[in-house]
Amino acid sequence: MDKPFAGRRVLVVEDEMMLLMLIEDVLADHGATVTAAATVEQAIALIAMQVFDAATLDLNLDGNQSYPVADTLAACGVPFVFSTGYHQDGLRDGYRDRPVLRKPFKQLDLVDSVTRLLSC
């Protein structure tokens, strides 16, 4: 099987464990090294310690919006996609131009989104 994400590090920020495991599996099957966080604090700490090529970012983490993580990723130049049930127009000003992977999504949609991030 082709591993288009081989050698790439992807941060997955998601608080729903089943969805997190699915995302990890799909990305790992495509060759990515996946690091996961379930809270804003965990994600920011990981970004400070590691270099990532891309990230998927759940907008709502157990009732907390993940904009501080988005701000940190943007400051580091890491491309990311919001993974959310909200429409793009539901995003805060300054983030409406960011890609959105609408939940529920298909595995192919996830792969396509990450492929676009990695080709930036």
C-alpha atoms as a PDB file:
ATOM      1  CA  MET A   1       0.000   0.000   0.000  1.00  0.00           C
ATOM      2  CA  ASP A   2       1.205   3.497  -0.845  1.00  0.00           C
ATOM      3  CA  LYS A   3       2.132   5.570   2.228  1.00  0.00           C
ATOM      4  CA  PRO A   4       1.665   9.183   1.065  1.00  0.00           C
ATOM      5  CA  PHE A   5       2.120  10.596   4.585  1.00  0.00           C
ATOM      6  CA  ALA A   6       5.350   8.689   5.322  1.00  0.00           C
ATOM      7  CA  GLY A   7       7.768  10.780   7.341  1.00  0.00           C
ATOM      8  CA  ARG A   8       5.076  13.329   8.209  1.00  0.00           C
ATOM      9  CA  ARG A   9       4.072  14.210  11.765  1.00  0.00           C
ATOM     10  CA  VAL A  10       0.419  15.023  12.341  1.00  0.00           C
ATOM     11  CA  LEU A  11      -1.096  16.364  15.544  1.00  0.00           C
ATOM     12  CA  VAL A  12      -4.669  15.225  16.173  1.00  0.00           C
ATOM     13  CA  VAL A  13      -6.587  17.238  18.755  1.00  0.00           C
ATOM     14  CA  GLU A  14      -9.825  15.414  19.544  1.00  0.00           C
ATOM     15  CA  ASP A  15     -11.670  14.663  22.798  1.00  0.00           C
ATOM     16  CA  GLU A  16     -13.967  11.890  21.514  1.00  0.00           C
ATOM     17  CA  MET A  17     -11.904   8.733  22.051  1.00  0.00           C
ATOM     18  CA  MET A  18     -13.544   6.586  19.357  1.00  0.00           C
ATOM     19  CA  LEU A  19     -13.159   9.316  16.749  1.00  0.00           C
ATOM     20  CA  LEU A  20      -9.585   9.950  17.868  1.00  0.00           C
ATOM     21  CA  MET A  21      -8.716   6.274  17.407  1.00  0.00           C
ATOM     22  CA  LEU A  22     -10.311   6.260  13.952  1.00  0.00           C
ATOM     23  CA  ILE A  23      -8.365   9.352  12.862  1.00  0.00           C
ATOM     24  CA  GLU A  24      -5.121   7.933  14.269  1.00  0.00           C
ATOM     25  CA  ASP A  25      -5.641   4.628  12.456  1.00  0.00           C
ATOM     26  CA  VAL A  26      -6.453   6.225   9.112  1.00  0.00           C
ATOM     27  CA  LEU A  27      -3.500   8.606   9.225  1.00  0.00           C
ATOM     28  CA  ALA A  28      -1.098   5.906  10.450  1.00  0.00           C
ATOM     29  CA  ASP A  29      -2.305   3.578   7.669  1.00  0.00           C
ATOM     30  CA  HIS A  30      -1.213   6.318   5.255  1.00  0.00           C
ATOM     31  CA  GLY A  31       2.218   6.497   6.888  1.00  0.00           C
ATOM     32  CA  ALA A  32       1.858   9.460   9.243  1.00  0.00           C
ATOM     33  CA  THR A  33       3.355   9.583  12.696  1.00  0.00           C
ATOM     34  CA  VAL A  34       0.389  10.673  14.790  1.00  0.00           C
ATOM     35  CA  THR A  35       0.482  12.444  18.135  1.00  0.00           C
ATOM     36  CA  ALA A  36      -2.804  13.006  19.955  1.00  0.00           C
ATOM     37  CA  ALA A  37      -4.109  15.495  22.483  1.00  0.00           C
ATOM     38  CA  ALA A  38      -7.539  15.693  24.098  1.00  0.00           C
ATOM     39  CA  THR A  39      -7.324  19.137  25.720  1.00  0.00           C
ATOM     40  CA  VAL A  40      -6.172  22.624  24.815  1.00  0.00           C
ATOM     41  CA  GLU A  41      -3.405  22.413  27.409  1.00  0.00           C
ATOM     42  CA  GLN A  42      -2.096  19.065  26.144  1.00  0.00           C
ATOM     43  CA  ALA A  43      -2.087  20.281  22.552  1.00  0.00           C
ATOM     44  CA  ILE A  44      -0.204  23.491  23.332  1.00  0.00           C
ATOM     45  CA  ALA A  45       2.370  21.564  25.387  1.00  0.00           C
ATOM     46  CA  LEU A  46       2.915  19.111  22.508  1.00  0.00           C
ATOM     47  CA  ILE A  47       3.331  21.938  19.995  1.00  0.00           C
ATOM     48  CA  ALA A  48       5.996  23.469  22.250  1.00  0.00           C
ATOM     49  CA  MET A  49       7.907  20.162  22.374  1.00  0.00           C
ATOM     50  CA  GLN A  50       7.562  18.811  18.829  1.00  0.00           C
ATOM     51  CA  VAL A  51       7.487  19.919  15.216  1.00  0.00           C
ATOM     52  CA  PHE A  52       4.370  18.997  13.266  1.00  0.00           C
ATOM     53  CA  ASP A  53       3.719  19.048   9.542  1.00  0.00           C
ATOM     54  CA  ALA A  54      -0.066  19.376   9.909  1.00  0.00           C
ATOM     55  CA  ALA A  55      -2.867  19.099  12.441  1.00  0.00           C
ATOM     56  CA  THR A  56      -6.544  18.254  12.744  1.00  0.00           C
ATOM     57  CA  LEU A  57      -8.251  20.317  15.393  1.00  0.00           C
ATOM     58  CA  ASP A  58     -11.642  19.633  16.956  1.00  0.00           C
ATOM     59  CA  LEU A  59     -13.201  23.031  17.576  1.00  0.00           C
ATOM     60  CA  ASN A  60     -15.019  21.967  20.740  1.00  0.00           C
ATOM     61  CA  LEU A  61     -12.944  20.077  23.316  1.00  0.00           C
ATOM     62  CA  ASP A  62     -15.234  19.065  26.157  1.00  0.00           C
ATOM     63  CA  GLY A  63     -16.946  22.449  26.089  1.00  0.00           C
ATOM     64  CA  ASN A  64     -13.769  24.497  25.533  1.00  0.00           C
ATOM     65  CA  GLN A  65     -13.108  26.091  22.185  1.00  0.00           C
ATOM     66  CA  SER A  66      -9.733  25.221  20.735  1.00  0.00           C
ATOM     67  CA  TYR A  67      -8.850  28.647  19.336  1.00  0.00           C
ATOM     68  CA  PRO A  68      -5.762  28.932  21.600  1.00  0.00           C
ATOM     69  CA  VAL A  69      -4.428  25.788  19.879  1.00  0.00           C
ATOM     70  CA  ALA A  70      -5.281  27.246  16.476  1.00  0.00           C
ATOM     71  CA  ASP A  71      -3.448  30.442  17.421  1.00  0.00           C
ATOM     72  CA  THR A  72      -0.384  28.445  18.489  1.00  0.00           C
ATOM     73  CA  LEU A  73      -0.393  26.328  15.332  1.00  0.00           C
ATOM     74  CA  ALA A  74      -0.751  29.421  13.147  1.00  0.00           C
ATOM     75  CA  ALA A  75       2.122  31.154  14.970  1.00  0.00           C
ATOM     76  CA  CYS A  76       4.311  28.104  14.294  1.00  0.00           C
ATOM     77  CA  GLY A  77       3.279  27.950  10.637  1.00  0.00           C
ATOM     78  CA  VAL A  78       1.612  24.548  11.008  1.00  0.00           C
ATOM     79  CA  PRO A  79      -1.307  24.105   8.602  1.00  0.00           C
ATOM     80  CA  PHE A  80      -4.447  22.714  10.216  1.00  0.00           C
ATOM     81  CA  VAL A  81      -8.019  21.796   9.509  1.00  0.00           C
ATOM     82  CA  PHE A  82     -10.858  22.300  11.955  1.00  0.00           C
ATOM     83  CA  SER A  83     -12.762  19.077  12.541  1.00  0.00           C
ATOM     84  CA  THR A  84     -16.225  20.123  13.634  1.00  0.00           C
ATOM     85  CA  GLY A  85     -19.948  19.818  13.174  1.00  0.00           C
ATOM     86  CA  TYR A  86     -20.152  23.591  12.726  1.00  0.00           C
ATOM     87  CA  HIS A  87     -20.266  25.288   9.345  1.00  0.00           C
ATOM     88  CA  GLN A  88     -17.350  27.465   8.302  1.00  0.00           C
ATOM     89  CA  ASP A  89     -19.451  30.572   8.963  1.00  0.00           C
ATOM     90  CA  GLY A  90     -19.758  29.373  12.570  1.00  0.00           C
ATOM     91  CA  LEU A  91     -16.041  29.905  13.081  1.00  0.00           C
ATOM     92  CA  ARG A  92     -14.700  32.940  14.901  1.00  0.00           C
ATOM     93  CA  ASP A  93     -13.532  35.940  12.874  1.00  0.00           C
ATOM     94  CA  GLY A  94     -10.007  35.378  11.646  1.00  0.00           C
ATOM     95  CA  TYR A  95     -10.563  31.650  11.126  1.00  0.00           C
ATOM     96  CA  ARG A  96     -13.326  31.545   8.533  1.00  0.00           C
ATOM     97  CA  ASP A  97     -10.728  31.085   5.807  1.00  0.00           C
ATOM     98  CA  ARG A  98      -9.383  27.911   7.442  1.00  0.00           C
ATOM     99  CA  PRO A  99     -10.398  24.538   6.034  1.00  0.00           C
ATOM    100  CA  VAL A 100     -13.160  22.657   7.821  1.00  0.00           C
ATOM    101  CA  LEU A 101     -13.653  18.900   7.899  1.00  0.00           C
ATOM    102  CA  ARG A 102     -17.359  18.577   8.715  1.00  0.00           C
ATOM    103  CA  LYS A 103     -18.365  15.886  11.204  1.00  0.00           C
ATOM    104  CA  PRO A 104     -19.426  13.255  10.571  1.00  0.00           C
ATOM    105  CA  PHE A 105     -16.867  12.741   7.829  1.00  0.00           C
ATOM    106  CA  LYS A 106     -15.737   9.857   5.686  1.00  0.00           C
ATOM    107  CA  GLN A 107     -12.217   8.472   5.904  1.00  0.00           C
ATOM    108  CA  LEU A 108     -11.528   9.651   2.356  1.00  0.00           C
ATOM    109  CA  ASP A 109     -12.513  13.200   3.358  1.00  0.00           C
ATOM    110  CA  LEU A 110      -9.978  13.061   6.208  1.00  0.00           C
ATOM    111  CA  VAL A 111      -7.234  11.804   3.897  1.00  0.00           C
ATOM    112  CA  ASP A 112      -8.064  14.462   1.296  1.00  0.00           C
ATOM    113  CA  SER A 113      -7.996  17.224   3.927  1.00  0.00           C
ATOM    114  CA  VAL A 114      -4.635  16.160   5.318  1.00  0.00           C
ATOM    115  CA  THR A 115      -3.242  15.711   1.803  1.00  0.00           C
ATOM    116  CA  ARG A 116      -4.155  19.315   1.010  1.00  0.00           C
ATOM    117  CA  LEU A 117      -2.543  20.512   4.242  1.00  0.00           C
ATOM    118  CA  LEU A 118       0.676  18.662   3.516  1.00  0.00           C
ATOM    119  CA  SER A 119       0.898  20.031  -0.011  1.00  0.00           C
ATOM    120  CA  CYS A 120       0.869  23.665   1.172  1.00  0.00           C
END
